[in-house]
PDB file of N, CA and C in Angstrom:
ATOM      1  N   MET A   1       1.140 -12.515 -18.331  1.00  0.00           N
ATOM      2  CA  MET A   1       0.503 -13.491 -17.485  1.00  0.00           C
ATOM      3  C   MET A   1      -0.256 -12.756 -16.392  1.00  0.00           C
ATOM      4  N   GLY A   2      -1.530 -12.998 -16.227  1.00  0.00           N
ATOM      5  CA  GLY A   2      -2.376 -12.299 -15.271  1.00  0.00           C
ATOM      6  C   GLY A   2      -2.395 -12.960 -13.911  1.00  0.00           C
ATOM      7  N   VAL A   3      -2.999 -12.283 -12.971  1.00  0.00           N
ATOM      8  CA  VAL A   3      -3.158 -12.818 -11.617  1.00  0.00           C
ATOM      9  C   VAL A   3      -4.305 -13.805 -11.625  1.00  0.00           C
ATOM     10  N   ASN A   4      -4.075 -15.003 -11.094  1.00  0.00           N
ATOM     11  CA  ASN A   4      -5.070 -16.061 -11.162  1.00  0.00           C
ATOM     12  C   ASN A   4      -5.884 -16.245  -9.893  1.00  0.00           C
ATOM     13  N   SER A   5      -5.354 -15.877  -8.738  1.00  0.00           N
ATOM     14  CA  SER A   5      -6.101 -16.063  -7.506  1.00  0.00           C
ATOM     15  C   SER A   5      -5.745 -14.978  -6.496  1.00  0.00           C
ATOM     16  N   VAL A   6      -6.582 -14.864  -5.469  1.00  0.00           N
ATOM     17  CA  VAL A   6      -6.386 -13.855  -4.431  1.00  0.00           C
ATOM     18  C   VAL A   6      -5.014 -13.976  -3.788  1.00  0.00           C
ATOM     19  N   ASN A   7      -4.565 -15.218  -3.493  1.00  0.00           N
ATOM     20  CA  ASN A   7      -3.296 -15.367  -2.788  1.00  0.00           C
ATOM     21  C   ASN A   7      -2.081 -15.031  -3.646  1.00  0.00           C
ATOM     22  N   GLU A   8      -2.263 -14.731  -4.907  1.00  0.00           N
ATOM     23  CA  GLU A   8      -1.177 -14.256  -5.758  1.00  0.00           C
ATOM     24  C   GLU A   8      -1.091 -12.730  -5.754  1.00  0.00           C
ATOM     25  N   ILE A   9      -2.056 -12.071  -5.119  1.00  0.00           N
ATOM     26  CA  ILE A   9      -2.080 -10.621  -5.067  1.00  0.00           C
ATOM     27  C   ILE A   9      -1.347 -10.156  -3.815  1.00  0.00           C
ATOM     28  N   LYS A  10      -0.284  -9.361  -4.010  1.00  0.00           N
ATOM     29  CA  LYS A  10       0.490  -8.814  -2.900  1.00  0.00           C
ATOM     30  C   LYS A  10       0.024  -7.381  -2.648  1.00  0.00           C
ATOM     31  N   VAL A  11      -0.487  -7.137  -1.448  1.00  0.00           N
ATOM     32  CA  VAL A  11      -0.999  -5.824  -1.074  1.00  0.00           C
ATOM     33  C   VAL A  11      -0.039  -5.183  -0.082  1.00  0.00           C
ATOM     34  N   LEU A  12       0.356  -3.948  -0.369  1.00  0.00           N
ATOM     35  CA  LEU A  12       1.178  -3.178   0.562  1.00  0.00           C
ATOM     36  C   LEU A  12       0.302  -2.122   1.205  1.00  0.00           C
ATOM     37  N   ILE A  13       0.156  -2.180   2.529  1.00  0.00           N
ATOM     38  CA  ILE A  13      -0.644  -1.223   3.285  1.00  0.00           C
ATOM     39  C   ILE A  13       0.291  -0.162   3.848  1.00  0.00           C
ATOM     40  N   VAL A  14      -0.013   1.108   3.575  1.00  0.00           N
ATOM     41  CA  VAL A  14       0.778   2.212   4.104  1.00  0.00           C
ATOM     42  C   VAL A  14      -0.131   3.021   5.020  1.00  0.00           C
ATOM     43  N   GLU A  15       0.094   2.873   6.311  1.00  0.00           N
ATOM     44  CA  GLU A  15      -0.759   3.508   7.320  1.00  0.00           C
ATOM     45  C   GLU A  15       0.111   3.827   8.529  1.00  0.00           C
ATOM     46  N   ASP A  16       0.101   5.079   8.980  1.00  0.00           N
ATOM     47  CA  ASP A  16       0.947   5.448  10.115  1.00  0.00           C
ATOM     48  C   ASP A  16       0.336   5.095  11.475  1.00  0.00           C
ATOM     49  N   ASN A  17      -0.929   4.795  11.517  1.00  0.00           N
ATOM     50  CA  ASN A  17      -1.581   4.396  12.763  1.00  0.00           C
ATOM     51  C   ASN A  17      -1.516   2.870  12.886  1.00  0.00           C
ATOM     52  N   LEU A  18      -0.819   2.390  13.901  1.00  0.00           N
ATOM     53  CA  LEU A  18      -0.601   0.948  14.065  1.00  0.00           C
ATOM     54  C   LEU A  18      -1.898   0.156  14.144  1.00  0.00           C
ATOM     55  N   LEU A  19      -2.867   0.629  14.923  1.00  0.00           N
ATOM     56  CA  LEU A  19      -4.123  -0.109  15.067  1.00  0.00           C
ATOM     57  C   LEU A  19      -4.883  -0.213  13.747  1.00  0.00           C
ATOM     58  N   GLU A  20      -4.957   0.879  13.015  1.00  0.00           N
ATOM     59  CA  GLU A  20      -5.647   0.849  11.719  1.00  0.00           C
ATOM     60  C   GLU A  20      -4.891  -0.010  10.713  1.00  0.00           C
ATOM     61  N   ARG A  21      -3.561   0.078  10.725  1.00  0.00           N
ATOM     62  CA  ARG A  21      -2.737  -0.746   9.826  1.00  0.00           C
ATOM     63  C   ARG A  21      -2.973  -2.219  10.099  1.00  0.00           C
ATOM     64  N   GLU A  22      -2.988  -2.609  11.377  1.00  0.00           N
ATOM     65  CA  GLU A  22      -3.188  -4.018  11.734  1.00  0.00           C
ATOM     66  C   GLU A  22      -4.605  -4.485  11.419  1.00  0.00           C
ATOM     67  N   LEU A  23      -5.596  -3.623  11.579  1.00  0.00           N
ATOM     68  CA  LEU A  23      -6.982  -3.976  11.257  1.00  0.00           C
ATOM     69  C   LEU A  23      -7.138  -4.270   9.769  1.00  0.00           C
ATOM     70  N   ILE A  24      -6.624  -3.381   8.929  1.00  0.00           N
ATOM     71  CA  ILE A  24      -6.693  -3.597   7.478  1.00  0.00           C
ATOM     72  C   ILE A  24      -5.938  -4.861   7.102  1.00  0.00           C
ATOM     73  N   LYS A  25      -4.771  -5.048   7.709  1.00  0.00           N
ATOM     74  CA  LYS A  25      -3.957  -6.241   7.441  1.00  0.00           C
ATOM     75  C   LYS A  25      -4.730  -7.518   7.764  1.00  0.00           C
ATOM     76  N   GLU A  26      -5.370  -7.563   8.933  1.00  0.00           N
ATOM     77  CA  GLU A  26      -6.117  -8.754   9.332  1.00  0.00           C
ATOM     78  C   GLU A  26      -7.265  -9.066   8.378  1.00  0.00           C
ATOM     79  N   TYR A  27      -8.008  -8.033   7.958  1.00  0.00           N
ATOM     80  CA  TYR A  27      -9.099  -8.245   6.990  1.00  0.00           C
ATOM     81  C   TYR A  27      -8.570  -8.858   5.696  1.00  0.00           C
ATOM     82  N   LEU A  28      -7.468  -8.323   5.206  1.00  0.00           N
ATOM     83  CA  LEU A  28      -6.920  -8.815   3.936  1.00  0.00           C
ATOM     84  C   LEU A  28      -6.313 -10.207   4.078  1.00  0.00           C
ATOM     85  N   LEU A  29      -5.653 -10.480   5.208  1.00  0.00           N
ATOM     86  CA  LEU A  29      -5.109 -11.827   5.436  1.00  0.00           C
ATOM     87  C   LEU A  29      -6.230 -12.859   5.502  1.00  0.00           C
ATOM     88  N   GLU A  30      -7.316 -12.518   6.188  1.00  0.00           N
ATOM     89  CA  GLU A  30      -8.457 -13.428   6.275  1.00  0.00           C
ATOM     90  C   GLU A  30      -9.067 -13.708   4.903  1.00  0.00           C
ATOM     91  N   ALA A  31      -8.972 -12.736   4.002  1.00  0.00           N
ATOM     92  CA  ALA A  31      -9.495 -12.911   2.650  1.00  0.00           C
ATOM     93  C   ALA A  31      -8.514 -13.668   1.753  1.00  0.00           C
ATOM     94  N   GLY A  32      -7.314 -13.945   2.262  1.00  0.00           N
ATOM     95  CA  GLY A  32      -6.358 -14.743   1.507  1.00  0.00           C
ATOM     96  C   GLY A  32      -5.300 -13.971   0.750  1.00  0.00           C
ATOM     97  N   TYR A  33      -5.211 -12.663   0.973  1.00  0.00           N
ATOM     98  CA  TYR A  33      -4.200 -11.863   0.287  1.00  0.00           C
ATOM     99  C   TYR A  33      -2.844 -11.987   0.967  1.00  0.00           C
ATOM    100  N   ASP A  34      -1.781 -11.802   0.192  1.00  0.00           N
ATOM    101  CA  ASP A  34      -0.421 -11.702   0.713  1.00  0.00           C
ATOM    102  C   ASP A  34      -0.246 -10.239   1.104  1.00  0.00           C
ATOM    103  N   VAL A  35      -0.002  -9.950   2.399  1.00  0.00           N
ATOM    104  CA  VAL A  35      -0.018  -8.574   2.898  1.00  0.00           C
ATOM    105  C   VAL A  35       1.330  -8.160   3.464  1.00  0.00           C
ATOM    106  N   MET A  36       1.748  -6.962   3.102  1.00  0.00           N
ATOM    107  CA  MET A  36       2.941  -6.328   3.650  1.00  0.00           C
ATOM    108  C   MET A  36       2.509  -4.975   4.198  1.00  0.00           C
ATOM    109  N   THR A  37       3.254  -4.428   5.155  1.00  0.00           N
ATOM    110  CA  THR A  37       2.874  -3.137   5.713  1.00  0.00           C
ATOM    111  C   THR A  37       4.064  -2.189   5.781  1.00  0.00           C
ATOM    112  N   ALA A  38       3.741  -0.908   5.736  1.00  0.00           N
ATOM    113  CA  ALA A  38       4.728   0.156   5.913  1.00  0.00           C
ATOM    114  C   ALA A  38       4.084   1.221   6.791  1.00  0.00           C
ATOM    115  N   ALA A  39       4.909   1.867   7.627  1.00  0.00           N
ATOM    116  CA  ALA A  39       4.385   2.850   8.563  1.00  0.00           C
ATOM    117  C   ALA A  39       4.327   4.266   8.000  1.00  0.00           C
ATOM    118  N   ASP A  40       4.979   4.501   6.852  1.00  0.00           N
ATOM    119  CA  ASP A  40       4.921   5.830   6.243  1.00  0.00           C
ATOM    120  C   ASP A  40       5.263   5.752   4.758  1.00  0.00           C
ATOM    121  N   GLY A  41       5.047   6.852   4.066  1.00  0.00           N
ATOM    122  CA  GLY A  41       5.242   6.883   2.621  1.00  0.00           C
ATOM    123  C   GLY A  41       6.677   6.694   2.184  1.00  0.00           C
ATOM    124  N   LYS A  42       7.627   7.213   2.941  1.00  0.00           N
ATOM    125  CA  LYS A  42       9.038   7.055   2.570  1.00  0.00           C
ATOM    126  C   LYS A  42       9.463   5.595   2.671  1.00  0.00           C
ATOM    127  N   GLU A  43       9.005   4.907   3.721  1.00  0.00           N
ATOM    128  CA  GLU A  43       9.294   3.476   3.869  1.00  0.00           C
ATOM    129  C   GLU A  43       8.638   2.706   2.723  1.00  0.00           C
ATOM    130  N   ASP A  44       7.426   3.116   2.347  1.00  0.00           N
ATOM    131  CA  ASP A  44       6.702   2.453   1.272  1.00  0.00           C
ATOM    132  C   ASP A  44       7.441   2.541  -0.052  1.00  0.00           C
ATOM    133  N   LEU A  45       7.985   3.686  -0.380  1.00  0.00           N
ATOM    134  CA  LEU A  45       8.681   3.836  -1.660  1.00  0.00           C
ATOM    135  C   LEU A  45       9.808   2.819  -1.793  1.00  0.00           C
ATOM    136  N   LYS A  46      10.567   2.631  -0.733  1.00  0.00           N
ATOM    137  CA  LYS A  46      11.653   1.646  -0.758  1.00  0.00           C
ATOM    138  C   LYS A  46      11.099   0.227  -0.903  1.00  0.00           C
ATOM    139  N   MET A  47      10.049  -0.086  -0.148  1.00  0.00           N
ATOM    140  CA  MET A  47       9.463  -1.431  -0.177  1.00  0.00           C
ATOM    141  C   MET A  47       8.810  -1.729  -1.524  1.00  0.00           C
ATOM    142  N   THR A  48       8.169  -0.731  -2.116  1.00  0.00           N
ATOM    143  CA  THR A  48       7.470  -0.947  -3.377  1.00  0.00           C
ATOM    144  C   THR A  48       8.432  -1.359  -4.477  1.00  0.00           C
ATOM    145  N   ILE A  49       9.570  -0.709  -4.529  1.00  0.00           N
ATOM    146  CA  ILE A  49      10.541  -1.035  -5.575  1.00  0.00           C
ATOM    147  C   ILE A  49      11.143  -2.419  -5.335  1.00  0.00           C
ATOM    148  N   SER A  50      11.435  -2.776  -4.083  1.00  0.00           N
ATOM    149  CA  SER A  50      12.082  -4.063  -3.826  1.00  0.00           C
ATOM    150  C   SER A  50      11.111  -5.239  -3.782  1.00  0.00           C
ATOM    151  N   LEU A  51       9.896  -5.051  -3.235  1.00  0.00           N
ATOM    152  CA  LEU A  51       8.966  -6.166  -3.052  1.00  0.00           C
ATOM    153  C   LEU A  51       7.935  -6.328  -4.171  1.00  0.00           C
ATOM    154  N   LYS A  52       7.775  -5.314  -4.990  1.00  0.00           N
ATOM    155  CA  LYS A  52       6.873  -5.348  -6.143  1.00  0.00           C
ATOM    156  C   LYS A  52       5.456  -5.832  -5.802  1.00  0.00           C
ATOM    157  N   PRO A  53       4.738  -5.070  -4.967  1.00  0.00           N
ATOM    158  CA  PRO A  53       3.358  -5.454  -4.661  1.00  0.00           C
ATOM    159  C   PRO A  53       2.458  -5.301  -5.881  1.00  0.00           C
ATOM    160  N   THR A  54       1.301  -5.939  -5.826  1.00  0.00           N
ATOM    161  CA  THR A  54       0.313  -5.842  -6.894  1.00  0.00           C
ATOM    162  C   THR A  54      -0.453  -4.530  -6.797  1.00  0.00           C
ATOM    163  N   LEU A  55      -0.708  -4.080  -5.547  1.00  0.00           N
ATOM    164  CA  LEU A  55      -1.369  -2.796  -5.326  1.00  0.00           C
ATOM    165  C   LEU A  55      -0.976  -2.241  -3.973  1.00  0.00           C
ATOM    166  N   VAL A  56      -1.214  -0.934  -3.808  1.00  0.00           N
ATOM    167  CA  VAL A  56      -0.891  -0.231  -2.569  1.00  0.00           C
ATOM    168  C   VAL A  56      -2.156   0.398  -2.014  1.00  0.00           C
ATOM    169  N   ILE A  57      -2.404   0.173  -0.723  1.00  0.00           N
ATOM    170  CA  ILE A  57      -3.487   0.862  -0.013  1.00  0.00           C
ATOM    171  C   ILE A  57      -2.807   1.873   0.900  1.00  0.00           C
ATOM    172  N   ALA A  58      -3.076   3.163   0.677  1.00  0.00           N
ATOM    173  CA  ALA A  58      -2.376   4.212   1.418  1.00  0.00           C
ATOM    174  C   ALA A  58      -3.344   5.131   2.144  1.00  0.00           C
ATOM    175  N   ASP A  59      -2.989   5.455   3.379  1.00  0.00           N
ATOM    176  CA  ASP A  59      -3.720   6.453   4.149  1.00  0.00           C
ATOM    177  C   ASP A  59      -3.457   7.816   3.499  1.00  0.00           C
ATOM    178  N   LEU A  60      -4.474   8.648   3.411  1.00  0.00           N
ATOM    179  CA  LEU A  60      -4.293   9.971   2.827  1.00  0.00           C
ATOM    180  C   LEU A  60      -3.574  10.922   3.766  1.00  0.00           C
ATOM    181  N   VAL A  61      -3.766  10.759   5.079  1.00  0.00           N
ATOM    182  CA  VAL A  61      -3.209  11.695   6.057  1.00  0.00           C
ATOM    183  C   VAL A  61      -2.117  10.997   6.863  1.00  0.00           C
ATOM    184  N   MET A  62      -0.863  11.270   6.502  1.00  0.00           N
ATOM    185  CA  MET A  62       0.285  10.743   7.231  1.00  0.00           C
ATOM    186  C   MET A  62       1.263  11.889   7.461  1.00  0.00           C
ATOM    187  N   LEU A  63       2.106  11.770   8.472  1.00  0.00           N
ATOM    188  CA  LEU A  63       2.997  12.865   8.840  1.00  0.00           C
ATOM    189  C   LEU A  63       4.160  13.078   7.866  1.00  0.00           C
ATOM    190  N   GLU A  64       4.925  12.055   7.609  1.00  0.00           N
ATOM    191  CA  GLU A  64       6.116  12.201   6.767  1.00  0.00           C
ATOM    192  C   GLU A  64       5.787  12.551   5.317  1.00  0.00           C
ATOM    193  N   MET A  65       4.858  11.828   4.756  1.00  0.00           N
ATOM    194  CA  MET A  65       4.473  11.991   3.357  1.00  0.00           C
ATOM    195  C   MET A  65       3.001  11.617   3.256  1.00  0.00           C
ATOM    196  N   SER A  66       2.177  12.501   2.714  1.00  0.00           N
ATOM    197  CA  SER A  66       0.745  12.193   2.604  1.00  0.00           C
ATOM    198  C   SER A  66       0.514  11.099   1.575  1.00  0.00           C
ATOM    199  N   GLY A  67      -0.660  10.495   1.632  1.00  0.00           N
ATOM    200  CA  GLY A  67      -1.007   9.484   0.648  1.00  0.00           C
ATOM    201  C   GLY A  67      -1.013  10.032  -0.772  1.00  0.00           C
ATOM    202  N   LEU A  68      -1.427  11.281  -0.926  1.00  0.00           N
ATOM    203  CA  LEU A  68      -1.410  11.895  -2.262  1.00  0.00           C
ATOM    204  C   LEU A  68       0.012  12.094  -2.757  1.00  0.00           C
ATOM    205  N   GLN A  69       0.908  12.525  -1.870  1.00  0.00           N
ATOM    206  CA  GLN A  69       2.313  12.670  -2.259  1.00  0.00           C
ATOM    207  C   GLN A  69       2.901  11.310  -2.624  1.00  0.00           C
ATOM    208  N   LEU A  70       2.539  10.296  -1.873  1.00  0.00           N
ATOM    209  CA  LEU A  70       3.007   8.946  -2.163  1.00  0.00           C
ATOM    210  C   LEU A  70       2.536   8.500  -3.541  1.00  0.00           C
ATOM    211  N   CYS A  71       1.255   8.695  -3.834  1.00  0.00           N
ATOM    212  CA  CYS A  71       0.716   8.307  -5.143  1.00  0.00           C
ATOM    213  C   CYS A  71       1.430   9.047  -6.273  1.00  0.00           C
ATOM    214  N   ARG A  72       1.691  10.329  -6.083  1.00  0.00           N
ATOM    215  CA  ARG A  72       2.417  11.104  -7.098  1.00  0.00           C
ATOM    216  C   ARG A  72       3.831  10.558  -7.301  1.00  0.00           C
ATOM    217  N   SER A  73       4.493  10.206  -6.206  1.00  0.00           N
ATOM    218  CA  SER A  73       5.841   9.651  -6.298  1.00  0.00           C
ATOM    219  C   SER A  73       5.837   8.307  -7.014  1.00  0.00           C
ATOM    220  N   LEU A  74       4.835   7.480  -6.723  1.00  0.00           N
ATOM    221  CA  LEU A  74       4.725   6.188  -7.400  1.00  0.00           C
ATOM    222  C   LEU A  74       4.506   6.377  -8.897  1.00  0.00           C
ATOM    223  N   ARG A  75       3.693   7.356  -9.281  1.00  0.00           N
ATOM    224  CA  ARG A  75       3.408   7.618 -10.698  1.00  0.00           C
ATOM    225  C   ARG A  75       4.620   8.160 -11.446  1.00  0.00           C
ATOM    226  N   LYS A  76       5.498   8.883 -10.763  1.00  0.00           N
ATOM    227  CA  LYS A  76       6.689   9.456 -11.398  1.00  0.00           C
ATOM    228  C   LYS A  76       7.792   8.433 -11.623  1.00  0.00           C
ATOM    229  N   ASN A  77       7.784   7.349 -10.856  1.00  0.00           N
ATOM    230  CA  ASN A  77       8.828   6.342 -10.943  1.00  0.00           C
ATOM    231  C   ASN A  77       8.476   5.332 -12.040  1.00  0.00           C
ATOM    232  N   PRO A  78       9.354   5.128 -13.010  1.00  0.00           N
ATOM    233  CA  PRO A  78       9.065   4.176 -14.105  1.00  0.00           C
ATOM    234  C   PRO A  78       8.801   2.745 -13.622  1.00  0.00           C
ATOM    235  N   GLN A  79       9.381   2.358 -12.479  1.00  0.00           N
ATOM    236  CA  GLN A  79       9.203   0.998 -11.964  1.00  0.00           C
ATOM    237  C   GLN A  79       7.855   0.804 -11.269  1.00  0.00           C
ATOM    238  N   THR A  80       7.208   1.897 -10.867  1.00  0.00           N
ATOM    239  CA  THR A  80       5.957   1.779 -10.103  1.00  0.00           C
ATOM    240  C   THR A  80       4.796   2.556 -10.715  1.00  0.00           C
ATOM    241  N   LYS A  81       4.983   3.155 -11.865  1.00  0.00           N
ATOM    242  CA  LYS A  81       3.952   4.051 -12.401  1.00  0.00           C
ATOM    243  C   LYS A  81       2.650   3.346 -12.780  1.00  0.00           C
ATOM    244  N   TYR A  82       2.674   2.047 -12.987  1.00  0.00           N
ATOM    245  CA  TYR A  82       1.444   1.326 -13.329  1.00  0.00           C
ATOM    246  C   TYR A  82       0.820   0.614 -12.123  1.00  0.00           C
ATOM    247  N   LEU A  83       1.400   0.797 -10.952  1.00  0.00           N
ATOM    248  CA  LEU A  83       0.902   0.184  -9.733  1.00  0.00           C
ATOM    249  C   LEU A  83      -0.365   0.893  -9.280  1.00  0.00           C
ATOM    250  N   PRO A  84      -1.490   0.172  -9.141  1.00  0.00           N
ATOM    251  CA  PRO A  84      -2.729   0.846  -8.750  1.00  0.00           C
ATOM    252  C   PRO A  84      -2.756   1.170  -7.250  1.00  0.00           C
ATOM    253  N   PRO A  85      -2.908   2.453  -6.901  1.00  0.00           N
ATOM    254  CA  PRO A  85      -3.044   2.816  -5.487  1.00  0.00           C
ATOM    255  C   PRO A  85      -4.510   2.915  -5.097  1.00  0.00           C
ATOM    256  N   ILE A  86      -4.802   2.579  -3.856  1.00  0.00           N
ATOM    257  CA  ILE A  86      -6.123   2.781  -3.268  1.00  0.00           C
ATOM    258  C   ILE A  86      -5.912   3.692  -2.070  1.00  0.00           C
ATOM    259  N   ALA A  87      -6.603   4.826  -2.044  1.00  0.00           N
ATOM    260  CA  ALA A  87      -6.460   5.771  -0.953  1.00  0.00           C
ATOM    261  C   ALA A  87      -7.582   5.536   0.066  1.00  0.00           C
ATOM    262  N   CYS A  88      -7.235   5.646   1.343  1.00  0.00           N
ATOM    263  CA  CYS A  88      -8.228   5.495   2.391  1.00  0.00           C
ATOM    264  C   CYS A  88      -7.916   6.477   3.513  1.00  0.00           C
ATOM    265  N   THR A  89      -8.925   6.785   4.307  1.00  0.00           N
ATOM    266  CA  THR A  89      -8.730   7.641   5.462  1.00  0.00           C
ATOM    267  C   THR A  89      -9.850   7.404   6.474  1.00  0.00           C
ATOM    268  N   SER A  90      -9.528   7.633   7.727  1.00  0.00           N
ATOM    269  CA  SER A  90     -10.565   7.532   8.763  1.00  0.00           C
ATOM    270  C   SER A  90     -11.026   8.921   9.190  1.00  0.00           C
ATOM    271  N   LYS A  91     -10.517   9.953   8.531  1.00  0.00           N
ATOM    272  CA  LYS A  91     -10.876  11.333   8.854  1.00  0.00           C
ATOM    273  C   LYS A  91     -12.210  11.694   8.219  1.00  0.00           C
ATOM    274  N   ASN A  92     -12.945  12.617   8.861  1.00  0.00           N
ATOM    275  CA  ASN A  92     -14.236  13.080   8.308  1.00  0.00           C
ATOM    276  C   ASN A  92     -14.019  14.008   7.151  1.00  0.00           C
TER     277      ASN A  92
END
């Protein structure tokens, strides 16, 4: 059974900067998405398994675990390996 509308899509935002996390969250909420947030990659791994988001938007540069490390961890886990990640960064 496929996703039928925007509000059925659960997006998990992983961003260690509070202002950037809230900005992305507000844009997605205004567009009608169901949005959850995590402040770092380790928190995200726990949330991803329990909340089963449709996709993950992850910052590439985070202190505890980088976005690339997070994506690799998601791909290694049988429960999350098909979850599409979107990487983003505000760095040049």
